[in-house]
Amino acid sequence: MDVVKSFNDELSGIYEAKPPISRAKMSSLTKKAIKGIKFYKHIVQSVEKFVQKCRPEYKVPGLYVIDSVVRQSRHQFGAEKDVFMPRLCKNIITTFQHIYKCPEETSRRR
């Protein structure tokens, strides 16, 4: 499970810089996710939780993480052996609802 902790640490590190996420950071996150493929359920859960709880300006970068991991997994293992996309699809509606959620202070200003 060290690979999951390493991925989570890298994901939390997104907060160290303002969006957009650097190419190097995205590459590192993607590599760690693929390296931890045996724990894909934990990695997907981490990204979903990140998108759910992060500040609004980090929601789209969270979506980019999902995109990058799925693309790499499909490229490396083929669509039929990709485990990330089917797992992400289980909660995709909830994940997108969190992405579209507007913080209260923003909606009050309208």
PDB file of N, CA and C in Angstrom:
ATOM      1  N   MET A   1       0.824  -1.202   0.000  1.00  0.00           N
ATOM      2  CA  MET A   1       0.000   0.000   0.000  1.00  0.00           C
ATOM      3  C   MET A   1       0.865   1.262   0.000  1.00  0.00           C
ATOM      4  N   ASP A   2       2.182   1.104   0.017  1.00  0.00           N
ATOM      5  CA  ASP A   2       3.073   2.260  -0.047  1.00  0.00           C
ATOM      6  C   ASP A   2       2.863   3.048  -1.336  1.00  0.00           C
ATOM      7  N   VAL A   3       2.506   2.338  -2.425  1.00  0.00           N
ATOM      8  CA  VAL A   3       2.278   3.029  -3.694  1.00  0.00           C
ATOM      9  C   VAL A   3       1.057   3.944  -3.604  1.00  0.00           C
ATOM     10  N   VAL A   4       0.062   3.527  -2.842  1.00  0.00           N
ATOM     11  CA  VAL A   4      -1.134   4.343  -2.659  1.00  0.00           C
ATOM     12  C   VAL A   4      -0.789   5.589  -1.840  1.00  0.00           C
ATOM     13  N   LYS A   5       0.004   5.409  -0.794  1.00  0.00           N
ATOM     14  CA  LYS A   5       0.419   6.548   0.028  1.00  0.00           C
ATOM     15  C   LYS A   5       1.243   7.518  -0.816  1.00  0.00           C
ATOM     16  N   SER A   6       2.128   6.978  -1.623  1.00  0.00           N
ATOM     17  CA  SER A   6       2.954   7.805  -2.498  1.00  0.00           C
ATOM     18  C   SER A   6       2.082   8.598  -3.477  1.00  0.00           C
ATOM     19  N   PHE A   7       1.077   7.935  -4.046  1.00  0.00           N
ATOM     20  CA  PHE A   7       0.147   8.612  -4.959  1.00  0.00           C
ATOM     21  C   PHE A   7      -0.619   9.705  -4.211  1.00  0.00           C
ATOM     22  N   ASN A   8      -1.121   9.378  -3.021  1.00  0.00           N
ATOM     23  CA  ASN A   8      -1.883  10.349  -2.230  1.00  0.00           C
ATOM     24  C   ASN A   8      -1.039  11.565  -1.858  1.00  0.00           C
ATOM     25  N   ASP A   9       0.217  11.323  -1.503  1.00  0.00           N
ATOM     26  CA  ASP A   9       1.121  12.427  -1.175  1.00  0.00           C
ATOM     27  C   ASP A   9       1.314  13.341  -2.395  1.00  0.00           C
ATOM     28  N   GLU A  10       1.488  12.714  -3.542  1.00  0.00           N
ATOM     29  CA  GLU A  10       1.669  13.470  -4.789  1.00  0.00           C
ATOM     30  C   GLU A  10       0.397  14.259  -5.127  1.00  0.00           C
ATOM     31  N   LEU A  11      -0.749  13.627  -4.928  1.00  0.00           N
ATOM     32  CA  LEU A  11      -2.032  14.283  -5.201  1.00  0.00           C
ATOM     33  C   LEU A  11      -2.230  15.485  -4.273  1.00  0.00           C
ATOM     34  N   SER A  12      -1.916  15.321  -3.006  1.00  0.00           N
ATOM     35  CA  SER A  12      -2.017  16.426  -2.049  1.00  0.00           C
ATOM     36  C   SER A  12      -1.055  17.556  -2.407  1.00  0.00           C
ATOM     37  N   GLY A  13       0.044  17.198  -3.042  1.00  0.00           N
ATOM     38  CA  GLY A  13       1.039  18.171  -3.444  1.00  0.00           C
ATOM     39  C   GLY A  13       0.550  19.141  -4.509  1.00  0.00           C
ATOM     40  N   ILE A  14      -0.591  18.843  -5.105  1.00  0.00           N
ATOM     41  CA  ILE A  14      -1.176  19.750  -6.096  1.00  0.00           C
ATOM     42  C   ILE A  14      -1.397  21.127  -5.473  1.00  0.00           C
ATOM     43  N   TYR A  15      -1.715  21.139  -4.188  1.00  0.00           N
ATOM     44  CA  TYR A  15      -1.990  22.401  -3.490  1.00  0.00           C
ATOM     45  C   TYR A  15      -0.767  23.301  -3.352  1.00  0.00           C
ATOM     46  N   GLU A  16       0.416  22.763  -3.600  1.00  0.00           N
ATOM     47  CA  GLU A  16       1.646  23.547  -3.440  1.00  0.00           C
ATOM     48  C   GLU A  16       1.806  24.614  -4.525  1.00  0.00           C
ATOM     49  N   ALA A  17       1.068  24.488  -5.597  1.00  0.00           N
ATOM     50  CA  ALA A  17       1.144  25.464  -6.680  1.00  0.00           C
ATOM     51  C   ALA A  17      -0.262  25.819  -7.142  1.00  0.00           C
ATOM     52  N   LYS A  18      -0.383  26.997  -7.699  1.00  0.00           N
ATOM     53  CA  LYS A  18      -1.685  27.408  -8.239  1.00  0.00           C
ATOM     54  C   LYS A  18      -1.933  26.670  -9.550  1.00  0.00           C
ATOM     55  N   PRO A  19      -3.214  26.395  -9.844  1.00  0.00           N
ATOM     56  CA  PRO A  19      -3.517  25.774 -11.137  1.00  0.00           C
ATOM     57  C   PRO A  19      -3.053  26.664 -12.280  1.00  0.00           C
ATOM     58  N   PRO A  20      -2.759  26.141 -13.428  1.00  0.00           N
ATOM     59  CA  PRO A  20      -2.859  24.744 -13.818  1.00  0.00           C
ATOM     60  C   PRO A  20      -1.711  23.890 -13.257  1.00  0.00           C
ATOM     61  N   ILE A  21      -1.927  22.592 -13.257  1.00  0.00           N
ATOM     62  CA  ILE A  21      -0.914  21.651 -12.775  1.00  0.00           C
ATOM     63  C   ILE A  21       0.189  21.577 -13.826  1.00  0.00           C
ATOM     64  N   SER A  22       1.429  21.537 -13.364  1.00  0.00           N
ATOM     65  CA  SER A  22       2.551  21.434 -14.302  1.00  0.00           C
ATOM     66  C   SER A  22       2.545  20.072 -14.997  1.00  0.00           C
ATOM     67  N   ARG A  23       3.155  20.040 -16.151  1.00  0.00           N
ATOM     68  CA  ARG A  23       3.255  18.790 -16.915  1.00  0.00           C
ATOM     69  C   ARG A  23       4.027  17.739 -16.104  1.00  0.00           C
ATOM     70  N   ALA A  24       5.070  18.173 -15.400  1.00  0.00           N
ATOM     71  CA  ALA A  24       5.879  17.251 -14.594  1.00  0.00           C
ATOM     72  C   ALA A  24       5.044  16.646 -13.459  1.00  0.00           C
ATOM     73  N   LYS A  25       4.219  17.467 -12.825  1.00  0.00           N
ATOM     74  CA  LYS A  25       3.366  16.996 -11.724  1.00  0.00           C
ATOM     75  C   LYS A  25       2.352  15.984 -12.251  1.00  0.00           C
ATOM     76  N   MET A  26       1.736  16.294 -13.381  1.00  0.00           N
ATOM     77  CA  MET A  26       0.740  15.398 -13.976  1.00  0.00           C
ATOM     78  C   MET A  26       1.382  14.074 -14.368  1.00  0.00           C
ATOM     79  N   SER A  27       2.573  14.157 -14.929  1.00  0.00           N
ATOM     80  CA  SER A  27       3.298  12.958 -15.333  1.00  0.00           C
ATOM     81  C   SER A  27       3.624  12.090 -14.112  1.00  0.00           C
ATOM     82  N   SER A  28       4.057  12.723 -13.051  1.00  0.00           N
ATOM     83  CA  SER A  28       4.395  12.004 -11.827  1.00  0.00           C
ATOM     84  C   SER A  28       3.162  11.323 -11.224  1.00  0.00           C
ATOM     85  N   LEU A  29       2.053  12.051 -11.180  1.00  0.00           N
ATOM     86  CA  LEU A  29       0.800  11.481 -10.661  1.00  0.00           C
ATOM     87  C   LEU A  29       0.363  10.272 -11.489  1.00  0.00           C
ATOM     88  N   THR A  30       0.440  10.421 -12.798  1.00  0.00           N
ATOM     89  CA  THR A  30       0.019   9.349 -13.698  1.00  0.00           C
ATOM     90  C   THR A  30       0.902   8.115 -13.526  1.00  0.00           C
ATOM     91  N   LYS A  31       2.220   8.328 -13.459  1.00  0.00           N
ATOM     92  CA  LYS A  31       3.145   7.200 -13.273  1.00  0.00           C
ATOM     93  C   LYS A  31       2.879   6.474 -11.958  1.00  0.00           C
ATOM     94  N   LYS A  32       2.634   7.237 -10.903  1.00  0.00           N
ATOM     95  CA  LYS A  32       2.374   6.617  -9.593  1.00  0.00           C
ATOM     96  C   LYS A  32       1.059   5.839  -9.606  1.00  0.00           C
ATOM     97  N   ALA A  33       0.057   6.364 -10.301  1.00  0.00           N
ATOM     98  CA  ALA A  33      -1.225   5.655 -10.407  1.00  0.00           C
ATOM     99  C   ALA A  33      -1.039   4.328 -11.140  1.00  0.00           C
ATOM    100  N   ILE A  34      -0.313   4.363 -12.256  1.00  0.00           N
ATOM    101  CA  ILE A  34      -0.087   3.152 -13.050  1.00  0.00           C
ATOM    102  C   ILE A  34       0.762   2.155 -12.254  1.00  0.00           C
ATOM    103  N   LYS A  35       1.741   2.665 -11.532  1.00  0.00           N
ATOM    104  CA  LYS A  35       2.588   1.792 -10.705  1.00  0.00           C
ATOM    105  C   LYS A  35       1.747   1.096  -9.631  1.00  0.00           C
ATOM    106  N   GLY A  36       0.720   1.770  -9.151  1.00  0.00           N
ATOM    107  CA  GLY A  36      -0.142   1.213  -8.114  1.00  0.00           C
ATOM    108  C   GLY A  36      -1.394   0.558  -8.655  1.00  0.00           C
ATOM    109  N   ILE A  37      -1.323   0.057  -9.884  1.00  0.00           N
ATOM    110  CA  ILE A  37      -2.508  -0.495 -10.547  1.00  0.00           C
ATOM    111  C   ILE A  37      -3.175  -1.623  -9.755  1.00  0.00           C
ATOM    112  N   LYS A  38      -2.383  -2.362  -8.985  1.00  0.00           N
ATOM    113  CA  LYS A  38      -2.970  -3.439  -8.169  1.00  0.00           C
ATOM    114  C   LYS A  38      -3.918  -2.876  -7.114  1.00  0.00           C
ATOM    115  N   PHE A  39      -3.726  -1.606  -6.785  1.00  0.00           N
ATOM    116  CA  PHE A  39      -4.565  -0.933  -5.792  1.00  0.00           C
ATOM    117  C   PHE A  39      -5.426   0.141  -6.458  1.00  0.00           C
ATOM    118  N   TYR A  40      -5.827  -0.137  -7.701  1.00  0.00           N
ATOM    119  CA  TYR A  40      -6.552   0.867  -8.488  1.00  0.00           C
ATOM    120  C   TYR A  40      -7.800   1.382  -7.790  1.00  0.00           C
ATOM    121  N   LYS A  41      -8.464   0.521  -7.012  1.00  0.00           N
ATOM    122  CA  LYS A  41      -9.683   0.968  -6.317  1.00  0.00           C
ATOM    123  C   LYS A  41      -9.359   2.084  -5.330  1.00  0.00           C
ATOM    124  N   HIS A  42      -8.239   1.944  -4.639  1.00  0.00           N
ATOM    125  CA  HIS A  42      -7.818   2.964  -3.668  1.00  0.00           C
ATOM    126  C   HIS A  42      -7.419   4.259  -4.388  1.00  0.00           C
ATOM    127  N   ILE A  43      -6.747   4.109  -5.510  1.00  0.00           N
ATOM    128  CA  ILE A  43      -6.296   5.281  -6.264  1.00  0.00           C
ATOM    129  C   ILE A  43      -7.493   6.045  -6.824  1.00  0.00           C
ATOM    130  N   VAL A  44      -8.449   5.324  -7.384  1.00  0.00           N
ATOM    131  CA  VAL A  44      -9.662   5.964  -7.905  1.00  0.00           C
ATOM    132  C   VAL A  44     -10.401   6.667  -6.763  1.00  0.00           C
ATOM    133  N   GLN A  45     -10.511   5.992  -5.631  1.00  0.00           N
ATOM    134  CA  GLN A  45     -11.188   6.581  -4.474  1.00  0.00           C
ATOM    135  C   GLN A  45     -10.473   7.862  -4.016  1.00  0.00           C
ATOM    136  N   SER A  46      -9.165   7.862  -4.051  1.00  0.00           N
ATOM    137  CA  SER A  46      -8.396   9.039  -3.661  1.00  0.00           C
ATOM    138  C   SER A  46      -8.689  10.225  -4.575  1.00  0.00           C
ATOM    139  N   VAL A  47      -8.736   9.970  -5.875  1.00  0.00           N
ATOM    140  CA  VAL A  47      -9.005  11.044  -6.826  1.00  0.00           C
ATOM    141  C   VAL A  47     -10.445  11.545  -6.655  1.00  0.00           C
ATOM    142  N   GLU A  48     -11.381  10.619  -6.476  1.00  0.00           N
ATOM    143  CA  GLU A  48     -12.776  11.018  -6.273  1.00  0.00           C
ATOM    144  C   GLU A  48     -12.918  11.878  -5.018  1.00  0.00           C
ATOM    145  N   LYS A  49     -12.252  11.469  -3.963  1.00  0.00           N
ATOM    146  CA  LYS A  49     -12.301  12.218  -2.710  1.00  0.00           C
ATOM    147  C   LYS A  49     -11.645  13.590  -2.869  1.00  0.00           C
ATOM    148  N   PHE A  50     -10.545  13.630  -3.630  1.00  0.00           N
ATOM    149  CA  PHE A  50      -9.866  14.895  -3.884  1.00  0.00           C
ATOM    150  C   PHE A  50     -10.825  15.873  -4.573  1.00  0.00           C
ATOM    151  N   VAL A  51     -11.487  15.408  -5.634  1.00  0.00           N
ATOM    152  CA  VAL A  51     -12.411  16.252  -6.394  1.00  0.00           C
ATOM    153  C   VAL A  51     -13.574  16.705  -5.498  1.00  0.00           C
ATOM    154  N   GLN A  52     -14.001  15.825  -4.629  1.00  0.00           N
ATOM    155  CA  GLN A  52     -15.123  16.130  -3.741  1.00  0.00           C
ATOM    156  C   GLN A  52     -14.754  17.216  -2.724  1.00  0.00           C
ATOM    157  N   LYS A  53     -13.542  17.161  -2.191  1.00  0.00           N
ATOM    158  CA  LYS A  53     -13.184  18.022  -1.065  1.00  0.00           C
ATOM    159  C   LYS A  53     -12.290  19.209  -1.398  1.00  0.00           C
ATOM    160  N   CYS A  54     -11.714  19.230  -2.591  1.00  0.00           N
ATOM    161  CA  CYS A  54     -10.762  20.291  -2.903  1.00  0.00           C
ATOM    162  C   CYS A  54     -11.456  21.638  -3.105  1.00  0.00           C
ATOM    163  N   ARG A  55     -10.654  22.685  -3.063  1.00  0.00           N
ATOM    164  CA  ARG A  55     -11.174  24.023  -3.332  1.00  0.00           C
ATOM    165  C   ARG A  55     -11.595  24.108  -4.803  1.00  0.00           C
ATOM    166  N   PRO A  56     -12.550  24.986  -5.129  1.00  0.00           N
ATOM    167  CA  PRO A  56     -13.097  25.058  -6.494  1.00  0.00           C
ATOM    168  C   PRO A  56     -12.045  25.146  -7.602  1.00  0.00           C
ATOM    169  N   GLU A  57     -10.987  25.898  -7.368  1.00  0.00           N
ATOM    170  CA  GLU A  57      -9.990  26.073  -8.440  1.00  0.00           C
ATOM    171  C   GLU A  57      -9.187  24.804  -8.732  1.00  0.00           C
ATOM    172  N   TYR A  58      -9.318  23.779  -7.877  1.00  0.00           N
ATOM    173  CA  TYR A  58      -8.584  22.522  -8.091  1.00  0.00           C
ATOM    174  C   TYR A  58      -9.471  21.399  -8.632  1.00  0.00           C
ATOM    175  N   LYS A  59     -10.754  21.691  -8.857  1.00  0.00           N
ATOM    176  CA  LYS A  59     -11.667  20.658  -9.352  1.00  0.00           C
ATOM    177  C   LYS A  59     -11.345  20.252 -10.789  1.00  0.00           C
ATOM    178  N   VAL A  60     -11.099  21.222 -11.652  1.00  0.00           N
ATOM    179  CA  VAL A  60     -10.750  20.900 -13.044  1.00  0.00           C
ATOM    180  C   VAL A  60      -9.398  20.181 -13.111  1.00  0.00           C
ATOM    181  N   PRO A  61      -8.378  20.641 -12.368  1.00  0.00           N
ATOM    182  CA  PRO A  61      -7.137  19.855 -12.346  1.00  0.00           C
ATOM    183  C   PRO A  61      -7.371  18.408 -11.883  1.00  0.00           C
ATOM    184  N   GLY A  62      -8.298  18.201 -10.951  1.00  0.00           N
ATOM    185  CA  GLY A  62      -8.641  16.835 -10.523  1.00  0.00           C
ATOM    186  C   GLY A  62      -9.180  16.023 -11.682  1.00  0.00           C
ATOM    187  N   LEU A  63      -9.974  16.671 -12.518  1.00  0.00           N
ATOM    188  CA  LEU A  63     -10.521  16.024 -13.705  1.00  0.00           C
ATOM    189  C   LEU A  63      -9.398  15.674 -14.691  1.00  0.00           C
ATOM    190  N   TYR A  64      -8.408  16.557 -14.794  1.00  0.00           N
ATOM    191  CA  TYR A  64      -7.252  16.281 -15.650  1.00  0.00           C
ATOM    192  C   TYR A  64      -6.463  15.066 -15.161  1.00  0.00           C
ATOM    193  N   VAL A  65      -6.397  14.893 -13.851  1.00  0.00           N
ATOM    194  CA  VAL A  65      -5.716  13.715 -13.289  1.00  0.00           C
ATOM    195  C   VAL A  65      -6.445  12.455 -13.746  1.00  0.00           C
ATOM    196  N   ILE A  66      -7.770  12.463 -13.625  1.00  0.00           N
ATOM    197  CA  ILE A  66      -8.584  11.316 -14.062  1.00  0.00           C
ATOM    198  C   ILE A  66      -8.304  11.027 -15.532  1.00  0.00           C
ATOM    199  N   ASP A  67      -8.359  12.058 -16.366  1.00  0.00           N
ATOM    200  CA  ASP A  67      -8.143  11.907 -17.801  1.00  0.00           C
ATOM    201  C   ASP A  67      -6.762  11.319 -18.102  1.00  0.00           C
ATOM    202  N   SER A  68      -5.760  11.859 -17.449  1.00  0.00           N
ATOM    203  CA  SER A  68      -4.383  11.413 -17.700  1.00  0.00           C
ATOM    204  C   SER A  68      -4.172   9.953 -17.300  1.00  0.00           C
ATOM    205  N   VAL A  69      -4.694   9.574 -16.146  1.00  0.00           N
ATOM    206  CA  VAL A  69      -4.533   8.194 -15.668  1.00  0.00           C
ATOM    207  C   VAL A  69      -5.248   7.215 -16.603  1.00  0.00           C
ATOM    208  N   VAL A  70      -6.480   7.544 -16.983  1.00  0.00           N
ATOM    209  CA  VAL A  70      -7.238   6.654 -17.873  1.00  0.00           C
ATOM    210  C   VAL A  70      -6.565   6.542 -19.232  1.00  0.00           C
ATOM    211  N   ARG A  71      -6.118   7.659 -19.771  1.00  0.00           N
ATOM    212  CA  ARG A  71      -5.446   7.621 -21.086  1.00  0.00           C
ATOM    213  C   ARG A  71      -4.196   6.746 -21.042  1.00  0.00           C
ATOM    214  N   GLN A  72      -3.390   6.930 -19.989  1.00  0.00           N
ATOM    215  CA  GLN A  72      -2.153   6.149 -19.880  1.00  0.00           C
ATOM    216  C   GLN A  72      -2.452   4.668 -19.696  1.00  0.00           C
ATOM    217  N   SER A  73      -3.430   4.371 -18.860  1.00  0.00           N
ATOM    218  CA  SER A  73      -3.802   2.976 -18.611  1.00  0.00           C
ATOM    219  C   SER A  73      -4.281   2.309 -19.900  1.00  0.00           C
ATOM    220  N   ARG A  74      -5.118   3.015 -20.639  1.00  0.00           N
ATOM    221  CA  ARG A  74      -5.639   2.456 -21.897  1.00  0.00           C
ATOM    222  C   ARG A  74      -4.529   2.321 -22.933  1.00  0.00           C
ATOM    223  N   HIS A  75      -3.605   3.271 -22.944  1.00  0.00           N
ATOM    224  CA  HIS A  75      -2.483   3.220 -23.886  1.00  0.00           C
ATOM    225  C   HIS A  75      -1.573   2.032 -23.557  1.00  0.00           C
ATOM    226  N   GLN A  76      -1.303   1.858 -22.262  1.00  0.00           N
ATOM    227  CA  GLN A  76      -0.359   0.828 -21.836  1.00  0.00           C
ATOM    228  C   GLN A  76      -0.952  -0.581 -21.858  1.00  0.00           C
ATOM    229  N   PHE A  77      -2.205  -0.714 -21.430  1.00  0.00           N
ATOM    230  CA  PHE A  77      -2.797  -2.044 -21.258  1.00  0.00           C
ATOM    231  C   PHE A  77      -3.897  -2.363 -22.258  1.00  0.00           C
ATOM    232  N   GLY A  78      -4.348  -1.369 -23.010  1.00  0.00           N
ATOM    233  CA  GLY A  78      -5.450  -1.569 -23.946  1.00  0.00           C
ATOM    234  C   GLY A  78      -6.781  -1.373 -23.236  1.00  0.00           C
ATOM    235  N   ALA A  79      -7.791  -0.967 -23.976  1.00  0.00           N
ATOM    236  CA  ALA A  79      -9.102  -0.653 -23.397  1.00  0.00           C
ATOM    237  C   ALA A  79      -9.712  -1.841 -22.657  1.00  0.00           C
ATOM    238  N   GLU A  80      -9.469  -3.034 -23.183  1.00  0.00           N
ATOM    239  CA  GLU A  80     -10.081  -4.227 -22.564  1.00  0.00           C
ATOM    240  C   GLU A  80      -9.449  -4.594 -21.226  1.00  0.00           C
ATOM    241  N   LYS A  81      -8.226  -4.150 -20.977  1.00  0.00           N
ATOM    242  CA  LYS A  81      -7.558  -4.479 -19.716  1.00  0.00           C
ATOM    243  C   LYS A  81      -7.432  -3.279 -18.774  1.00  0.00           C
ATOM    244  N   ASP A  82      -7.947  -2.125 -19.208  1.00  0.00           N
ATOM    245  CA  ASP A  82      -7.911  -0.928 -18.360  1.00  0.00           C
ATOM    246  C   ASP A  82      -8.874  -1.120 -17.187  1.00  0.00           C
ATOM    247  N   VAL A  83      -8.360  -0.972 -15.966  1.00  0.00           N
ATOM    248  CA  VAL A  83      -9.199  -1.149 -14.777  1.00  0.00           C
ATOM    249  C   VAL A  83      -9.683   0.191 -14.217  1.00  0.00           C
ATOM    250  N   PHE A  84      -9.026   1.280 -14.594  1.00  0.00           N
ATOM    251  CA  PHE A  84      -9.368   2.582 -14.019  1.00  0.00           C
ATOM    252  C   PHE A  84     -10.714   3.110 -14.513  1.00  0.00           C
ATOM    253  N   MET A  85     -10.950   3.055 -15.823  1.00  0.00           N
ATOM    254  CA  MET A  85     -12.178   3.620 -16.382  1.00  0.00           C
ATOM    255  C   MET A  85     -13.436   2.944 -15.829  1.00  0.00           C
ATOM    256  N   PRO A  86     -13.527   1.610 -15.840  1.00  0.00           N
ATOM    257  CA  PRO A  86     -14.743   0.998 -15.284  1.00  0.00           C
ATOM    258  C   PRO A  86     -14.972   1.388 -13.823  1.00  0.00           C
ATOM    259  N   ARG A  87     -13.899   1.490 -13.057  1.00  0.00           N
ATOM    260  CA  ARG A  87     -14.038   1.855 -11.649  1.00  0.00           C
ATOM    261  C   ARG A  87     -14.481   3.315 -11.508  1.00  0.00           C
ATOM    262  N   LEU A  88     -13.912   4.194 -12.317  1.00  0.00           N
ATOM    263  CA  LEU A  88     -14.301   5.605 -12.286  1.00  0.00           C
ATOM    264  C   LEU A  88     -15.762   5.789 -12.706  1.00  0.00           C
ATOM    265  N   CYS A  89     -16.230   4.952 -13.611  1.00  0.00           N
ATOM    266  CA  CYS A  89     -17.609   5.066 -14.101  1.00  0.00           C
ATOM    267  C   CYS A  89     -18.639   4.771 -13.014  1.00  0.00           C
ATOM    268  N   LYS A  90     -18.256   3.985 -12.016  1.00  0.00           N
ATOM    269  CA  LYS A  90     -19.195   3.642 -10.941  1.00  0.00           C
ATOM    270  C   LYS A  90     -19.731   4.886 -10.237  1.00  0.00           C
ATOM    271  N   ASN A  91     -18.875   5.880 -10.045  1.00  0.00           N
ATOM    272  CA  ASN A  91     -19.277   7.084  -9.313  1.00  0.00           C
ATOM    273  C   ASN A  91     -19.157   8.354 -10.145  1.00  0.00           C
ATOM    274  N   ILE A  92     -19.152   8.216 -11.467  1.00  0.00           N
ATOM    275  CA  ILE A  92     -18.864   9.373 -12.318  1.00  0.00           C
ATOM    276  C   ILE A  92     -19.900  10.487 -12.167  1.00  0.00           C
ATOM    277  N   ILE A  93     -21.156  10.135 -11.977  1.00  0.00           N
ATOM    278  CA  ILE A  93     -22.195  11.170 -11.820  1.00  0.00           C
ATOM    279  C   ILE A  93     -21.946  11.969 -10.552  1.00  0.00           C
ATOM    280  N   THR A  94     -21.669  11.284  -9.468  1.00  0.00           N
ATOM    281  CA  THR A  94     -21.360  11.962  -8.204  1.00  0.00           C
ATOM    282  C   THR A  94     -20.114  12.822  -8.348  1.00  0.00           C
ATOM    283  N   THR A  95     -19.091  12.285  -9.005  1.00  0.00           N
ATOM    284  CA  THR A  95     -17.849  13.032  -9.205  1.00  0.00           C
ATOM    285  C   THR A  95     -18.126  14.323  -9.975  1.00  0.00           C
ATOM    286  N   PHE A  96     -18.908  14.240 -11.043  1.00  0.00           N
ATOM    287  CA  PHE A  96     -19.220  15.440 -11.819  1.00  0.00           C
ATOM    288  C   PHE A  96     -20.107  16.406 -11.041  1.00  0.00           C
ATOM    289  N   GLN A  97     -20.979  15.882 -10.202  1.00  0.00           N
ATOM    290  CA  GLN A  97     -21.789  16.773  -9.366  1.00  0.00           C
ATOM    291  C   GLN A  97     -20.894  17.594  -8.441  1.00  0.00           C
ATOM    292  N   HIS A  98     -19.831  16.983  -7.934  1.00  0.00           N
ATOM    293  CA  HIS A  98     -18.889  17.711  -7.082  1.00  0.00           C
ATOM    294  C   HIS A  98     -18.094  18.735  -7.886  1.00  0.00           C
ATOM    295  N   ILE A  99     -17.811  18.416  -9.132  1.00  0.00           N
ATOM    296  CA  ILE A  99     -17.068  19.356  -9.976  1.00  0.00           C
ATOM    297  C   ILE A  99     -17.935  20.583 -10.265  1.00  0.00           C
ATOM    298  N   TYR A 100     -19.216  20.363 -10.523  1.00  0.00           N
ATOM    299  CA  TYR A 100     -20.109  21.462 -10.879  1.00  0.00           C
ATOM    300  C   TYR A 100     -20.631  22.253  -9.690  1.00  0.00           C
ATOM    301  N   LYS A 101     -20.474  21.709  -8.494  1.00  0.00           N
ATOM    302  CA  LYS A 101     -20.980  22.400  -7.312  1.00  0.00           C
ATOM    303  C   LYS A 101     -20.355  23.778  -7.181  1.00  0.00           C
ATOM    304  N   CYS A 102     -21.203  24.718  -6.858  1.00  0.00           N
ATOM    305  CA  CYS A 102     -20.744  26.092  -6.669  1.00  0.00           C
ATOM    306  C   CYS A 102     -20.624  26.361  -5.173  1.00  0.00           C
ATOM    307  N   PRO A 103     -19.536  26.954  -4.733  1.00  0.00           N
ATOM    308  CA  PRO A 103     -19.455  27.274  -3.306  1.00  0.00           C
ATOM    309  C   PRO A 103     -20.536  28.289  -2.929  1.00  0.00           C
ATOM    310  N   GLU A 104     -21.028  28.215  -1.717  1.00  0.00           N
ATOM    311  CA  GLU A 104     -22.132  29.080  -1.276  1.00  0.00           C
ATOM    312  C   GLU A 104     -21.842  30.558  -1.471  1.00  0.00           C
ATOM    313  N   GLU A 105     -20.643  30.989  -1.098  1.00  0.00           N
ATOM    314  CA  GLU A 105     -20.345  32.421  -1.209  1.00  0.00           C
ATOM    315  C   GLU A 105     -20.392  32.918  -2.643  1.00  0.00           C
ATOM    316  N   THR A 106     -20.123  32.037  -3.614  1.00  0.00           N
ATOM    317  CA  THR A 106     -20.195  32.425  -5.020  1.00  0.00           C
ATOM    318  C   THR A 106     -21.651  32.564  -5.454  1.00  0.00           C
ATOM    319  N   SER A 107     -22.498  31.641  -5.019  1.00  0.00           N
ATOM    320  CA  SER A 107     -23.896  31.672  -5.446  1.00  0.00           C
ATOM    321  C   SER A 107     -24.653  32.825  -4.788  1.00  0.00           C
ATOM    322  N   ARG A 108     -24.228  33.290  -3.630  1.00  0.00           N
ATOM    323  CA  ARG A 108     -24.914  34.404  -2.960  1.00  0.00           C
ATOM    324  C   ARG A 108     -24.653  35.727  -3.655  1.00  0.00           C
ATOM    325  N   ARG A 109     -23.549  35.832  -4.366  1.00  0.00           N
ATOM    326  CA  ARG A 109     -23.196  37.091  -5.027  1.00  0.00           C
ATOM    327  C   ARG A 109     -24.007  37.348  -6.285  1.00  0.00           C
ATOM    328  N   ARG A 110     -24.699  36.377  -6.773  1.00  0.00           N
ATOM    329  CA  ARG A 110     -25.424  36.522  -8.056  1.00  0.00           C
ATOM    330  C   ARG A 110     -26.610  37.422  -7.955  1.00  0.00           C
TER     331      ARG A 110
END
